[in-house]
Every structure is written in structure tokens, then in C-alpha cells.
Amino acid sequence: MKTLKEVKVGETVKVVKLNGTGAVKRRIMDMGITKGVDIHVRKVAPLGDPMELNLRGYELSVRKADAEMIEVE
């Protein structure tokens, strides 16, 4: 399964599953990243961290470590 970390700039994907447990998973969900949400990757910082995303009508930056826990299709 592909993770959000592997998605290229300009692609739009749908969240399939959130990995991780406890506080980390809760934080990701609190940012609006839940199963079934479409995420558009706007840009990635020059060194690859963080990624800038568009979802639910707003912009969000996430670290690659967090993006690795989000399975997409």
C-alpha cells in the first residue's frame, strides 16, 4: 500500500487507513486527516520536509514521519 510520503507534487489521493497509535494517531485525525478524505499535495520543501497539503478546503503542512503513517490510494 502507498503512503502519503510517496505521493508526488500535484497528485490528489484518498486516505484509506491511518497507522500509528495513541496520541500520534489522534493528532493526525485532529488535523482533519481521516479515512475517505481527498488530499492534494501542493508542494514539498526543498529538503523534503515538510509537505504542504490541501484538504477539506484548507492548507496543512505535515512532516514526512507523519505522512508515512497515512495510507492512500
N, C-alpha and C. Protein backbone atom coordinates (compact mmCIF):
# COMPACT_ATOMS: atom_id res chain seq x y z
N MET A 1 0.85 -1.19 0.00
CA MET A 1 0.00 0.00 0.00
C MET A 1 0.89 1.25 0.00
N LYS A 2 0.48 2.26 -0.74
CA LYS A 2 1.24 3.50 -0.86
C LYS A 2 0.94 4.43 0.32
N THR A 3 1.96 5.14 0.79
CA THR A 3 1.75 6.11 1.87
C THR A 3 1.78 7.52 1.31
N LEU A 4 1.29 8.47 2.08
CA LEU A 4 1.26 9.87 1.67
C LEU A 4 2.67 10.39 1.37
N LYS A 5 3.66 9.84 2.05
CA LYS A 5 5.05 10.26 1.85
C LYS A 5 5.52 10.03 0.41
N GLU A 6 4.96 9.02 -0.25
CA GLU A 6 5.38 8.64 -1.61
C GLU A 6 4.64 9.40 -2.71
N VAL A 7 3.63 10.18 -2.37
CA VAL A 7 2.83 10.88 -3.37
C VAL A 7 3.61 12.06 -3.94
N LYS A 8 3.52 12.24 -5.25
CA LYS A 8 4.24 13.31 -5.95
C LYS A 8 3.46 14.63 -5.87
N VAL A 9 4.17 15.74 -6.02
CA VAL A 9 3.56 17.07 -6.03
C VAL A 9 2.56 17.14 -7.18
N GLY A 10 1.37 17.69 -6.88
CA GLY A 10 0.34 17.84 -7.91
C GLY A 10 -0.67 16.72 -7.93
N GLU A 11 -0.39 15.61 -7.24
CA GLU A 11 -1.32 14.48 -7.21
C GLU A 11 -2.37 14.66 -6.13
N THR A 12 -3.54 14.09 -6.38
CA THR A 12 -4.60 14.06 -5.39
C THR A 12 -4.89 12.60 -5.07
N VAL A 13 -4.94 12.28 -3.78
CA VAL A 13 -5.15 10.90 -3.33
C VAL A 13 -6.24 10.86 -2.28
N LYS A 14 -6.73 9.65 -1.99
CA LYS A 14 -7.77 9.45 -0.97
C LYS A 14 -7.17 8.64 0.18
N VAL A 15 -7.46 9.05 1.41
CA VAL A 15 -6.96 8.34 2.59
C VAL A 15 -7.70 7.02 2.74
N VAL A 16 -6.93 5.93 2.90
CA VAL A 16 -7.51 4.60 3.05
C VAL A 16 -7.45 4.16 4.51
N LYS A 17 -6.31 4.45 5.16
CA LYS A 17 -6.10 3.95 6.52
C LYS A 17 -5.07 4.81 7.24
N LEU A 18 -5.25 4.96 8.55
CA LEU A 18 -4.26 5.66 9.38
C LEU A 18 -3.55 4.62 10.24
N ASN A 19 -2.23 4.60 10.14
CA ASN A 19 -1.44 3.73 11.02
C ASN A 19 -0.98 4.56 12.21
N GLY A 20 -0.35 3.94 13.15
CA GLY A 20 0.07 4.68 14.35
C GLY A 20 -0.94 4.46 15.46
N THR A 21 -0.54 4.83 16.66
CA THR A 21 -1.42 4.59 17.80
C THR A 21 -1.44 5.80 18.72
N GLY A 22 -2.41 5.81 19.60
CA GLY A 22 -2.48 6.80 20.67
C GLY A 22 -2.46 8.24 20.23
N ALA A 23 -1.61 9.03 20.88
CA ALA A 23 -1.55 10.48 20.68
C ALA A 23 -1.20 10.87 19.26
N VAL A 24 -0.32 10.11 18.62
CA VAL A 24 0.10 10.44 17.26
C VAL A 24 -1.08 10.31 16.29
N LYS A 25 -1.79 9.19 16.37
CA LYS A 25 -2.96 8.97 15.50
C LYS A 25 -4.03 10.02 15.79
N ARG A 26 -4.25 10.32 17.05
CA ARG A 26 -5.25 11.32 17.45
C ARG A 26 -4.90 12.69 16.86
N ARG A 27 -3.62 13.06 16.88
CA ARG A 27 -3.18 14.35 16.35
C ARG A 27 -3.43 14.43 14.85
N ILE A 28 -3.13 13.35 14.13
CA ILE A 28 -3.37 13.31 12.69
C ILE A 28 -4.87 13.47 12.40
N MET A 29 -5.69 12.79 13.16
CA MET A 29 -7.15 12.88 12.98
C MET A 29 -7.66 14.28 13.33
N ASP A 30 -7.08 14.89 14.35
CA ASP A 30 -7.48 16.25 14.74
C ASP A 30 -7.16 17.28 13.67
N MET A 31 -6.16 16.99 12.82
CA MET A 31 -5.80 17.89 11.72
C MET A 31 -6.76 17.74 10.55
N GLY A 32 -7.70 16.81 10.65
CA GLY A 32 -8.68 16.63 9.58
C GLY A 32 -8.37 15.49 8.63
N ILE A 33 -7.30 14.76 8.91
CA ILE A 33 -6.94 13.64 8.04
C ILE A 33 -7.62 12.39 8.57
N THR A 34 -8.72 12.02 7.92
CA THR A 34 -9.47 10.84 8.32
C THR A 34 -9.74 9.98 7.09
N LYS A 35 -10.20 8.76 7.31
CA LYS A 35 -10.46 7.83 6.21
C LYS A 35 -11.46 8.43 5.22
N GLY A 36 -11.14 8.32 3.93
CA GLY A 36 -12.05 8.80 2.89
C GLY A 36 -11.81 10.23 2.42
N VAL A 37 -10.93 10.98 3.09
CA VAL A 37 -10.67 12.38 2.74
C VAL A 37 -9.73 12.46 1.53
N ASP A 38 -10.03 13.36 0.60
CA ASP A 38 -9.14 13.60 -0.54
C ASP A 38 -8.07 14.59 -0.12
N ILE A 39 -6.80 14.29 -0.46
CA ILE A 39 -5.67 15.16 -0.13
C ILE A 39 -4.93 15.49 -1.42
N HIS A 40 -4.70 16.78 -1.64
CA HIS A 40 -3.92 17.25 -2.79
C HIS A 40 -2.56 17.72 -2.28
N VAL A 41 -1.48 17.17 -2.84
CA VAL A 41 -0.12 17.56 -2.42
C VAL A 41 0.26 18.81 -3.22
N ARG A 42 0.34 19.96 -2.55
CA ARG A 42 0.66 21.24 -3.20
C ARG A 42 2.14 21.40 -3.47
N LYS A 43 2.94 21.20 -2.44
CA LYS A 43 4.38 21.31 -2.62
C LYS A 43 5.13 20.60 -1.50
N VAL A 44 6.41 20.39 -1.76
CA VAL A 44 7.29 19.74 -0.78
C VAL A 44 8.49 20.65 -0.61
N ALA A 45 8.92 20.86 0.62
CA ALA A 45 10.07 21.72 0.90
C ALA A 45 11.32 21.18 0.18
N PRO A 46 12.28 22.05 -0.12
CA PRO A 46 13.48 21.64 -0.87
C PRO A 46 14.19 20.41 -0.31
N LEU A 47 14.24 20.29 0.99
CA LEU A 47 14.90 19.12 1.59
C LEU A 47 13.92 17.98 1.87
N GLY A 48 12.67 18.14 1.40
CA GLY A 48 11.70 17.07 1.52
C GLY A 48 10.82 17.11 2.75
N ASP A 49 11.06 18.01 3.64
CA ASP A 49 10.28 18.05 4.89
C ASP A 49 10.00 19.49 5.26
N PRO A 50 8.82 19.96 5.47
CA PRO A 50 7.54 19.23 5.44
C PRO A 50 6.88 19.24 4.05
N MET A 51 5.71 18.60 3.99
CA MET A 51 4.88 18.59 2.77
C MET A 51 3.72 19.55 3.01
N GLU A 52 3.33 20.28 1.97
CA GLU A 52 2.17 21.17 2.10
C GLU A 52 1.00 20.53 1.36
N LEU A 53 -0.11 20.36 2.08
CA LEU A 53 -1.28 19.66 1.56
C LEU A 53 -2.50 20.57 1.53
N ASN A 54 -3.43 20.24 0.65
CA ASN A 54 -4.75 20.88 0.64
C ASN A 54 -5.77 19.78 0.94
N LEU A 55 -6.59 20.02 1.95
CA LEU A 55 -7.67 19.08 2.26
C LEU A 55 -8.78 19.81 2.99
N ARG A 56 -10.01 19.38 2.74
CA ARG A 56 -11.18 19.98 3.40
C ARG A 56 -11.21 21.51 3.28
N GLY A 57 -10.66 22.05 2.19
CA GLY A 57 -10.72 23.48 1.96
C GLY A 57 -9.67 24.32 2.68
N TYR A 58 -8.66 23.69 3.25
CA TYR A 58 -7.58 24.47 3.90
C TYR A 58 -6.22 23.85 3.62
N GLU A 59 -5.18 24.61 3.93
CA GLU A 59 -3.81 24.15 3.73
C GLU A 59 -3.24 23.62 5.03
N LEU A 60 -2.41 22.60 4.90
CA LEU A 60 -1.84 21.94 6.07
C LEU A 60 -0.43 21.48 5.74
N SER A 61 0.49 21.65 6.66
CA SER A 61 1.85 21.14 6.48
C SER A 61 2.06 19.97 7.43
N VAL A 62 2.59 18.87 6.90
CA VAL A 62 2.87 17.70 7.74
C VAL A 62 4.30 17.24 7.52
N ARG A 63 4.87 16.68 8.57
CA ARG A 63 6.22 16.12 8.47
C ARG A 63 6.17 14.79 7.74
N LYS A 64 7.29 14.42 7.13
CA LYS A 64 7.37 13.15 6.41
C LYS A 64 7.10 11.97 7.35
N ALA A 65 7.54 12.08 8.60
CA ALA A 65 7.32 11.00 9.57
C ALA A 65 5.82 10.76 9.78
N ASP A 66 5.04 11.84 9.82
CA ASP A 66 3.59 11.70 9.97
C ASP A 66 2.96 11.21 8.67
N ALA A 67 3.46 11.70 7.53
CA ALA A 67 2.92 11.31 6.22
C ALA A 67 3.11 9.81 5.98
N GLU A 68 4.15 9.23 6.57
CA GLU A 68 4.42 7.81 6.42
C GLU A 68 3.34 6.94 7.06
N MET A 69 2.62 7.48 8.02
CA MET A 69 1.59 6.71 8.73
C MET A 69 0.24 6.74 8.03
N ILE A 70 0.13 7.51 6.93
CA ILE A 70 -1.15 7.67 6.25
C ILE A 70 -1.13 6.88 4.95
N GLU A 71 -1.94 5.82 4.89
CA GLU A 71 -2.03 5.01 3.67
C GLU A 71 -3.06 5.62 2.73
N VAL A 72 -2.69 5.71 1.44
CA VAL A 72 -3.56 6.36 0.46
C VAL A 72 -3.70 5.49 -0.79
N GLU A 73 -4.70 5.86 -1.62
CA GLU A 73 -4.85 5.19 -2.92
C GLU A 73 -5.08 6.21 -4.01
